[in-house]
Amino acid sequence: MVNAEASSGDSVASPVPAAPTALSWMDCVRLATAHNPDLQSSREGVLNSNAVHLGAYSTLYPQITASLSDTRGYIGSYLGAPSNYSTAYLAQLSLSQTIFDGFTTKGNIDQTRAELALAFASLNSEKAVISFNLKSAFAQLLYAQQLIIISRNVIDIRQNTARLVRLLYQGGQEDKGAMLLSNADLDQANIDFNQALRTNDLSGLQLEVVVGQELPKPVRAAGDLNTEPLPVTPDFRKLAVLTPAYFEKRAQTDAAAAGITLAESGWYPHISAGASVYQSDSQLPLRERGLSADISASYPIFEGGRTYFDVKAADASFRQSLAELQSGTNQAALTLAQNFKSLVDSQENVRIQNELLEATGLRYKIAEASYRNGLMSFQDFETITDSYVSQQQTCLSAQLSAVIAEASWEEARGLGAIP
């Protein structure tokens, strides 16, 4: 925008900078879903595991190979025999099919299926982590913005107090120590304001890191530091078996079970069949044609105990994964209970801190009027003012803690805003 009212010298006012666009919560969710590098990495991990899983089926299908060779030979002369040169051309098409491989293919398919399930569980876990980080960063930015407002309000309070104490001191109604203390409080309020500005800048950078994209400066967030109503106390053990951590452990157990199948494949014979057609000759075009077919079976008689020990190791690995699954389920239930308790405690703390803020705010107004009229000492007025100033920041911190506790509860359940 350009100012149309220029001075007589035809000077033009500089453009007014546009106000920064405030990002809503859903704006941040869309940006993180599209650009967060950790989320992209987990998605690629799923694609990789899916490709490996599909590749495990390849042994079930026939393998077809085409080959073309040109062989040149030379035998030197010896004992009167002349030198001999030879040429052989061969074009061949071969087909082979595994009939039975001791359940190796089945074990590979089961194992890669479990690894694919593990990749999906890891992706869901990463979504929950990113959602927690995003909600925490967004809440931190809202907190920093509100902290700036509170810091400005505190500066106004300290300025009014310092001005009132200075007037009373000049009128001989207050001592110099009270005036110096009120000035020091004002200096501290200015320092706190500058710290709030730096906190806001840092919070904006933190949000950029989570969404995975640079944001227009200054970074602003639109919203309130509110939490959803408290849920009814759930059955934590039932919730534990619905978490990504549980599905990760279960997928690892399934992979260990498939490892037993792979290890036991050494006890069984391997059977395969094949056929090939070929044309060959010592010169082109190829005139000699042929067809061959074969079936083969092999059985390991003695491998130095390798299969036996492989099976023993696979059994132990499976039992270990079962124990870890049980332990992980118990730990997940405990984590859920702890996070739920923190959520309940933090929401109740917000309610109490809001009540205290209302009370200290009213006390401050009454105390200011009393001190102005000489009905209260500076020491009592200073104590009430400090309590009101401190309570504003305490209340804001309680709201931030409640939002982060809610984000932790969602993360523990494997939930979040990332689709």
Protein backbone atom coordinates (compact mmCIF):
# COMPACT_ATOMS: atom_id res chain seq x y z
CA MET A 1 0.00 0.00 0.00
CA VAL A 2 1.29 3.46 -0.92
CA ASN A 3 0.31 6.61 0.98
CA ALA A 4 -1.66 8.86 -1.41
CA GLU A 5 -1.00 12.00 0.64
CA ALA A 6 2.52 12.93 -0.46
CA SER A 7 4.31 16.06 0.69
CA SER A 8 4.90 19.07 -1.53
CA GLY A 9 8.19 17.55 -2.70
CA ASP A 10 6.35 14.65 -4.35
CA SER A 11 7.99 12.24 -1.90
CA VAL A 12 6.28 8.89 -1.55
CA ALA A 13 5.92 7.01 1.72
CA SER A 14 7.52 3.59 1.99
CA PRO A 15 5.21 0.57 1.61
CA VAL A 16 3.58 -0.68 4.77
CA PRO A 17 4.71 -4.26 5.45
CA ALA A 18 1.94 -6.83 5.33
CA ALA A 19 0.95 -8.52 8.57
CA PRO A 20 2.33 -12.03 8.92
CA THR A 21 -0.04 -14.87 8.17
CA ALA A 22 -0.96 -16.83 11.26
CA LEU A 23 -0.87 -20.60 10.84
CA SER A 24 -3.78 -22.58 12.19
CA TRP A 25 -3.36 -26.04 13.70
CA MET A 26 -4.69 -27.70 10.55
CA ASP A 27 -2.28 -25.64 8.41
CA CYS A 28 0.61 -27.08 10.42
CA VAL A 29 -0.79 -30.61 10.14
CA ARG A 30 -1.00 -30.34 6.35
CA LEU A 31 2.54 -28.96 6.10
CA ALA A 32 4.00 -31.66 8.36
CA THR A 33 2.13 -34.41 6.51
CA ALA A 34 3.57 -33.24 3.21
CA HIS A 35 7.09 -32.16 4.19
CA ASN A 36 8.29 -33.74 7.44
CA PRO A 37 11.46 -35.70 6.46
CA ASP A 38 11.10 -38.32 9.22
CA LEU A 39 7.59 -39.11 8.04
CA GLN A 40 8.79 -39.39 4.44
CA SER A 41 11.55 -41.75 5.57
CA SER A 42 9.07 -44.03 7.34
CA ARG A 43 6.82 -44.09 4.27
CA GLU A 44 9.76 -45.11 2.10
CA GLY A 45 10.52 -47.83 4.64
CA VAL A 46 7.03 -49.25 4.11
CA LEU A 47 7.49 -49.18 0.34
CA ASN A 48 10.83 -50.93 0.70
CA SER A 49 9.39 -53.66 2.93
CA ASN A 50 6.44 -54.14 0.59
CA ALA A 51 8.77 -54.60 -2.39
CA VAL A 52 10.86 -57.14 -0.47
CA HIS A 53 7.70 -58.99 0.55
CA LEU A 54 6.41 -59.19 -3.02
CA GLY A 55 9.84 -60.32 -4.18
CA ALA A 56 9.68 -63.28 -1.79
CA TYR A 57 6.94 -64.81 -3.96
CA SER A 58 9.25 -65.00 -6.97
CA THR A 59 10.41 -68.54 -6.11
CA LEU A 60 6.86 -69.82 -6.63
CA TYR A 61 7.03 -68.91 -10.32
CA PRO A 62 9.13 -70.46 -13.09
CA GLN A 63 12.45 -68.86 -13.94
CA ILE A 64 13.04 -68.35 -17.68
CA THR A 65 16.48 -67.55 -19.03
CA ALA A 66 17.60 -66.82 -22.60
CA SER A 67 21.27 -67.00 -23.53
CA LEU A 68 23.39 -66.60 -26.66
CA SER A 69 27.06 -67.55 -26.81
CA ASP A 70 29.87 -67.44 -29.30
CA THR A 71 32.80 -69.65 -28.29
CA ARG A 72 36.15 -69.56 -30.07
CA GLY A 73 38.76 -72.27 -29.41
CA TYR A 74 42.38 -72.87 -30.38
CA ILE A 75 44.54 -75.98 -29.92
CA GLY A 76 48.24 -75.57 -30.71
CA SER A 77 50.22 -78.12 -32.77
CA TYR A 78 52.07 -80.92 -30.93
CA LEU A 79 53.75 -84.20 -31.96
CA GLY A 80 53.07 -83.48 -35.59
CA ALA A 81 49.44 -82.62 -35.05
CA PRO A 82 48.42 -79.41 -36.84
CA SER A 83 46.95 -76.40 -35.14
CA ASN A 84 43.15 -76.48 -34.77
CA TYR A 85 40.72 -73.57 -34.61
CA SER A 86 37.08 -74.07 -33.59
CA THR A 87 33.95 -71.92 -33.39
CA ALA A 88 30.70 -72.79 -31.64
CA TYR A 89 27.49 -70.81 -31.54
CA LEU A 90 24.74 -71.59 -29.05
CA ALA A 91 21.29 -70.06 -28.54
CA GLN A 92 19.39 -71.47 -25.60
CA LEU A 93 16.10 -70.90 -23.78
CA SER A 94 15.86 -72.46 -20.33
CA LEU A 95 13.01 -72.85 -17.87
CA SER A 96 13.38 -73.96 -14.27
CA GLN A 97 10.87 -74.44 -11.51
CA THR A 98 11.38 -75.08 -7.84
CA ILE A 99 8.97 -77.81 -6.78
CA PHE A 100 9.87 -78.07 -3.09
CA ASP A 101 12.55 -76.20 -1.19
CA GLY A 102 11.92 -77.44 2.32
CA PHE A 103 9.47 -74.59 3.12
CA THR A 104 12.19 -71.99 2.58
CA THR A 105 9.91 -69.93 0.35
CA LYS A 106 7.10 -70.12 2.86
CA GLY A 107 9.46 -68.99 5.62
CA ASN A 108 10.71 -66.10 3.50
CA ILE A 109 7.16 -65.00 2.67
CA ASP A 110 6.08 -65.19 6.31
CA GLN A 111 9.16 -63.33 7.47
CA THR A 112 8.86 -60.52 4.91
CA ARG A 113 5.14 -60.24 5.73
CA ALA A 114 6.06 -59.75 9.38
CA GLU A 115 8.70 -57.19 8.40
CA LEU A 116 6.08 -55.34 6.33
CA ALA A 117 3.76 -55.31 9.36
CA LEU A 118 6.67 -54.00 11.42
CA ALA A 119 7.25 -51.22 8.87
CA PHE A 120 3.58 -50.21 9.07
CA ALA A 121 3.73 -50.25 12.88
CA SER A 122 6.89 -48.13 12.77
CA LEU A 123 5.15 -45.71 10.40
CA ASN A 124 2.20 -45.37 12.77
CA SER A 125 4.58 -44.89 15.68
CA GLU A 126 6.46 -42.20 13.73
CA LYS A 127 3.17 -40.47 12.94
CA ALA A 128 2.35 -40.39 16.65
CA VAL A 129 5.81 -39.01 17.49
CA ILE A 130 5.60 -36.33 14.80
CA SER A 131 2.09 -35.42 15.94
CA PHE A 132 3.40 -35.03 19.50
CA ASN A 133 6.33 -32.89 18.32
CA LEU A 134 4.04 -30.80 16.14
CA LYS A 135 1.47 -30.24 18.88
CA SER A 136 4.21 -29.40 21.37
CA ALA A 137 5.88 -26.96 18.97
CA PHE A 138 2.57 -25.34 18.05
CA ALA A 139 1.62 -25.02 21.72
CA GLN A 140 5.08 -23.62 22.52
CA LEU A 141 4.60 -20.93 19.87
CA LEU A 142 1.16 -20.05 21.24
CA TYR A 143 2.71 -19.93 24.71
CA ALA A 144 5.50 -17.62 23.52
CA GLN A 145 3.02 -15.28 21.83
CA GLN A 146 0.89 -15.13 24.97
CA LEU A 147 4.01 -14.67 27.08
CA ILE A 148 4.85 -11.52 25.09
CA ILE A 149 1.39 -10.13 25.87
CA ILE A 150 1.78 -10.96 29.56
CA SER A 151 5.28 -9.43 29.61
CA ARG A 152 3.94 -6.20 28.14
CA ASN A 153 1.18 -6.20 30.74
CA VAL A 154 3.77 -6.70 33.49
CA ILE A 155 5.80 -3.77 32.13
CA ASP A 156 2.68 -1.59 32.37
CA ILE A 157 2.11 -2.75 35.94
CA ARG A 158 5.71 -2.09 36.93
CA GLN A 159 5.71 1.30 35.19
CA ASN A 160 2.58 2.38 37.03
CA THR A 161 4.04 1.16 40.32
CA ALA A 162 7.39 2.89 39.73
CA ARG A 163 5.63 6.14 38.78
CA LEU A 164 3.39 6.00 41.85
CA VAL A 165 6.28 5.22 44.22
CA ARG A 166 8.35 8.04 42.70
CA LEU A 167 5.54 10.54 43.25
CA LEU A 168 5.10 9.36 46.83
CA TYR A 169 8.85 9.56 47.39
CA GLN A 170 8.97 13.09 46.02
CA GLY A 171 6.10 13.95 48.34
CA GLY A 172 7.96 12.52 51.32
CA GLN A 173 5.51 9.66 51.81
CA GLU A 174 7.82 6.83 50.70
CA ASP A 175 11.45 5.93 51.24
CA LYS A 176 14.19 5.77 48.61
CA GLY A 177 14.57 2.00 48.98
CA ALA A 178 11.00 1.49 47.80
CA MET A 179 11.65 3.71 44.78
CA LEU A 180 14.85 1.82 43.85
CA LEU A 181 13.10 -1.54 44.23
CA SER A 182 10.22 -0.45 42.01
CA ASN A 183 12.72 0.71 39.35
CA ALA A 184 14.55 -2.62 39.58
CA ASP A 185 11.24 -4.45 39.12
CA LEU A 186 10.64 -2.38 35.98
CA ASP A 187 14.09 -3.25 34.64
CA GLN A 188 13.42 -6.92 35.29
CA ALA A 189 10.09 -6.66 33.46
CA ASN A 190 11.89 -5.26 30.40
CA ILE A 191 14.43 -8.08 30.53
CA ASP A 192 11.62 -10.63 30.77
CA PHE A 193 9.96 -9.04 27.74
CA ASN A 194 13.13 -9.36 25.66
CA GLN A 195 13.46 -12.98 26.75
CA ALA A 196 9.86 -13.58 25.67
CA LEU A 197 10.70 -12.18 22.22
CA ARG A 198 13.67 -14.55 21.90
CA THR A 199 11.51 -17.44 23.08
CA ASN A 200 9.01 -16.59 20.36
CA ASP A 201 11.72 -16.62 17.67
CA LEU A 202 13.04 -19.95 18.90
CA SER A 203 9.52 -21.43 18.98
CA GLY A 204 8.98 -20.39 15.38
CA LEU A 205 12.19 -22.14 14.34
CA GLN A 206 11.15 -25.24 16.28
CA LEU A 207 7.83 -25.33 14.40
CA GLU A 208 9.68 -25.00 11.08
CA VAL A 209 11.83 -28.02 11.94
CA VAL A 210 8.80 -30.16 12.71
CA VAL A 211 6.81 -29.22 9.60
CA GLY A 212 9.95 -29.66 7.50
CA GLN A 213 9.59 -26.39 5.63
CA GLU A 214 10.70 -22.80 6.04
CA LEU A 215 7.82 -20.56 7.10
CA PRO A 216 7.23 -16.86 6.38
CA LYS A 217 8.75 -14.61 9.05
CA PRO A 218 7.70 -13.81 11.64
CA VAL A 219 6.10 -17.17 12.32
CA ARG A 220 2.69 -16.80 13.95
CA ALA A 221 0.23 -19.36 15.29
CA ALA A 222 -3.53 -18.95 15.54
CA GLY A 223 -5.30 -20.77 18.34
CA ASP A 224 -5.65 -21.17 22.08
CA LEU A 225 -3.88 -23.27 24.69
CA ASN A 226 -6.88 -25.47 25.37
CA THR A 227 -7.31 -29.21 25.89
CA GLU A 228 -10.18 -31.58 25.20
CA PRO A 229 -12.47 -32.67 28.05
CA LEU A 230 -11.10 -35.47 30.20
CA PRO A 231 -11.99 -38.98 29.02
CA VAL A 232 -13.36 -41.64 31.33
CA THR A 233 -10.59 -43.65 32.98
CA PRO A 234 -9.92 -46.43 30.43
CA ASP A 235 -8.72 -50.02 30.72
CA PHE A 236 -5.01 -49.47 30.13
CA ARG A 237 -4.25 -53.13 29.33
CA LYS A 238 -6.88 -53.16 26.59
CA LEU A 239 -5.45 -49.95 25.17
CA ALA A 240 -1.91 -51.37 25.38
CA VAL A 241 -2.64 -54.00 22.71
CA LEU A 242 -3.81 -51.27 20.32
CA THR A 243 -0.62 -49.22 20.43
CA PRO A 244 2.06 -49.13 17.70
CA ALA A 245 4.60 -50.38 20.26
CA TYR A 246 2.56 -53.57 20.73
CA PHE A 247 2.20 -54.13 16.98
CA GLU A 248 5.95 -53.65 16.54
CA LYS A 249 6.67 -56.32 19.16
CA ARG A 250 4.09 -58.66 17.67
CA ALA A 251 5.54 -58.25 14.18
CA GLN A 252 8.98 -59.07 15.57
CA THR A 253 7.51 -62.21 17.17
CA ASP A 254 5.95 -63.25 13.84
CA ALA A 255 9.30 -62.71 12.12
CA ALA A 256 11.00 -64.89 14.74
CA ALA A 257 8.40 -67.63 14.16
CA ALA A 258 9.13 -67.49 10.43
CA GLY A 259 12.81 -67.81 11.30
CA ILE A 260 12.06 -71.25 12.79
CA THR A 261 10.51 -72.33 9.48
CA LEU A 262 13.59 -71.13 7.61
CA ALA A 263 15.94 -72.92 9.99
CA GLU A 264 13.97 -76.19 9.75
CA SER A 265 14.11 -76.14 5.95
CA GLY A 266 17.51 -77.83 6.23
CA TRP A 267 15.78 -81.05 7.36
CA TYR A 268 13.89 -81.43 4.08
CA PRO A 269 14.91 -82.33 0.51
CA HIS A 270 14.99 -79.76 -2.26
CA ILE A 271 13.30 -80.72 -5.54
CA SER A 272 13.44 -78.78 -8.79
CA ALA A 273 12.72 -79.37 -12.48
CA GLY A 274 13.88 -77.73 -15.65
CA ALA A 275 13.76 -77.80 -19.43
CA SER A 276 15.66 -76.09 -22.21
CA VAL A 277 15.65 -75.82 -25.97
CA TYR A 278 18.70 -74.84 -27.90
CA GLN A 279 20.19 -74.38 -31.35
CA SER A 280 23.89 -74.71 -32.02
CA ASP A 281 26.35 -74.94 -34.86
CA SER A 282 29.88 -74.03 -35.80
CA GLN A 283 28.58 -71.42 -38.20
CA LEU A 284 25.52 -69.31 -38.81
CA PRO A 285 22.67 -70.02 -39.41
CA LEU A 286 22.29 -72.52 -36.55
CA ARG A 287 21.12 -75.90 -37.82
CA GLU A 288 21.46 -78.25 -34.91
CA ARG A 289 18.47 -78.23 -32.55
CA GLY A 290 17.99 -79.94 -29.24
CA LEU A 291 15.67 -80.29 -26.26
CA SER A 292 16.47 -81.37 -22.73
CA ALA A 293 14.52 -81.78 -19.50
CA ASP A 294 15.57 -82.72 -16.03
CA ILE A 295 14.30 -83.15 -12.52
CA SER A 296 16.59 -83.17 -9.53
CA ALA A 297 16.32 -83.82 -5.83
CA SER A 298 18.90 -83.26 -3.14
CA TYR A 299 18.90 -84.09 0.53
CA PRO A 300 21.52 -82.94 3.03
CA ILE A 301 22.87 -85.95 4.91
CA PHE A 302 25.41 -84.26 7.11
CA GLU A 303 26.16 -80.57 7.49
CA GLY A 304 28.24 -80.63 10.63
CA GLY A 305 25.19 -79.93 12.80
CA ARG A 306 24.46 -76.58 11.16
CA THR A 307 20.71 -77.12 10.77
CA TYR A 308 20.38 -78.46 14.30
CA PHE A 309 22.01 -75.40 15.81
CA ASP A 310 20.15 -73.05 13.47
CA VAL A 311 16.86 -74.50 14.73
CA LYS A 312 18.00 -74.20 18.34
CA ALA A 313 18.94 -70.57 17.79
CA ALA A 314 15.63 -69.81 16.03
CA ASP A 315 13.65 -71.41 18.86
CA ALA A 316 15.52 -69.33 21.42
CA SER A 317 14.97 -66.17 19.38
CA PHE A 318 11.26 -66.91 19.19
CA ARG A 319 10.97 -67.45 22.94
CA GLN A 320 12.92 -64.25 23.50
CA SER A 321 10.53 -62.28 21.27
CA LEU A 322 7.54 -63.73 23.14
CA ALA A 323 9.00 -62.56 26.43
CA GLU A 324 9.71 -59.12 24.94
CA LEU A 325 6.14 -58.96 23.64
CA GLN A 326 4.78 -59.62 27.13
CA SER A 327 7.19 -57.15 28.68
CA GLY A 328 6.42 -54.53 26.05
CA THR A 329 2.68 -54.92 26.61
CA ASN A 330 3.08 -54.45 30.35
CA GLN A 331 5.30 -51.42 29.83
CA ALA A 332 2.83 -49.93 27.35
CA ALA A 333 0.01 -50.29 29.89
CA LEU A 334 2.15 -48.62 32.55
CA THR A 335 3.13 -45.77 30.21
CA LEU A 336 -0.52 -45.21 29.33
CA ALA A 337 -1.48 -45.08 33.01
CA GLN A 338 1.32 -42.62 33.79
CA ASN A 339 0.44 -40.35 30.88
CA PHE A 340 -3.25 -40.42 31.76
CA LYS A 341 -2.44 -39.45 35.34
CA SER A 342 -0.27 -36.57 34.10
CA LEU A 343 -3.09 -35.40 31.83
CA VAL A 344 -5.65 -35.44 34.65
CA ASP A 345 -3.25 -33.71 37.05
CA SER A 346 -2.32 -31.02 34.55
CA GLN A 347 -5.93 -30.23 33.62
CA GLU A 348 -6.90 -29.94 37.27
CA ASN A 349 -3.87 -27.71 37.82
CA VAL A 350 -5.05 -25.40 35.02
CA ARG A 351 -8.40 -25.01 36.72
CA ILE A 352 -6.78 -24.19 40.06
CA GLN A 353 -4.26 -21.76 38.53
CA ASN A 354 -7.05 -19.90 36.72
CA GLU A 355 -8.89 -19.49 40.01
CA LEU A 356 -5.72 -18.23 41.66
CA LEU A 357 -5.14 -15.79 38.79
CA GLU A 358 -8.61 -14.37 39.20
CA ALA A 359 -8.07 -14.02 42.96
CA THR A 360 -4.61 -12.43 42.69
CA GLY A 361 -5.84 -10.06 39.97
CA LEU A 362 -8.64 -8.84 42.22
CA ARG A 363 -6.26 -8.50 45.17
CA TYR A 364 -3.89 -6.44 43.03
CA LYS A 365 -6.63 -3.99 42.04
CA ILE A 366 -7.71 -3.57 45.66
CA ALA A 367 -4.09 -3.25 46.85
CA GLU A 368 -3.25 -0.64 44.23
CA ALA A 369 -6.16 1.53 45.31
CA SER A 370 -5.26 1.06 48.98
CA TYR A 371 -1.59 1.92 48.44
CA ARG A 372 -2.46 4.95 46.33
CA ASN A 373 -4.61 6.24 49.18
CA GLY A 374 -1.99 5.50 51.83
CA LEU A 375 -3.92 2.62 53.39
CA MET A 376 -1.25 -0.05 52.69
CA SER A 377 2.50 -0.28 53.12
CA PHE A 378 4.81 -0.62 50.13
CA GLN A 379 6.02 -4.00 51.36
CA ASP A 380 2.49 -5.43 51.38
CA PHE A 381 1.69 -3.85 48.02
CA GLU A 382 4.92 -5.23 46.52
CA THR A 383 4.12 -8.73 47.79
CA ILE A 384 0.62 -8.68 46.28
CA THR A 385 1.92 -7.24 42.98
CA ASP A 386 4.64 -9.90 42.74
CA SER A 387 2.04 -12.59 43.41
CA TYR A 388 -0.20 -11.30 40.60
CA VAL A 389 2.68 -10.98 38.13
CA SER A 390 4.01 -14.43 38.96
CA GLN A 391 0.56 -15.99 38.79
CA GLN A 392 0.01 -14.80 35.23
CA GLN A 393 3.11 -16.67 34.09
CA THR A 394 2.30 -19.69 36.28
CA CYS A 395 -1.17 -19.94 34.78
CA LEU A 396 0.20 -19.74 31.23
CA SER A 397 2.82 -22.41 32.00
CA ALA A 398 0.10 -24.66 33.42
CA GLN A 399 -1.88 -24.34 30.19
CA LEU A 400 1.20 -25.27 28.16
CA SER A 401 1.91 -28.27 30.41
CA ALA A 402 -1.67 -29.47 29.99
CA VAL A 403 -1.45 -29.35 26.18
CA ILE A 404 1.86 -31.22 26.21
CA ALA A 405 0.43 -33.81 28.62
CA GLU A 406 -2.48 -34.29 26.23
CA ALA A 407 -0.03 -34.72 23.34
CA SER A 408 1.90 -37.31 25.37
CA TRP A 409 -1.32 -39.22 26.09
CA GLU A 410 -2.14 -39.28 22.37
CA GLU A 411 1.40 -40.36 21.47
CA ALA A 412 1.32 -43.23 23.98
CA ARG A 413 -1.90 -44.49 22.36
CA GLY A 414 -0.43 -44.14 18.86
CA LEU A 415 -2.90 -41.40 17.98
CA GLY A 416 -2.40 -37.94 16.62
CA ALA A 417 -3.30 -35.49 13.92
CA ILE A 418 -1.04 -36.90 11.17
CA PRO A 419 -3.20 -39.01 8.81
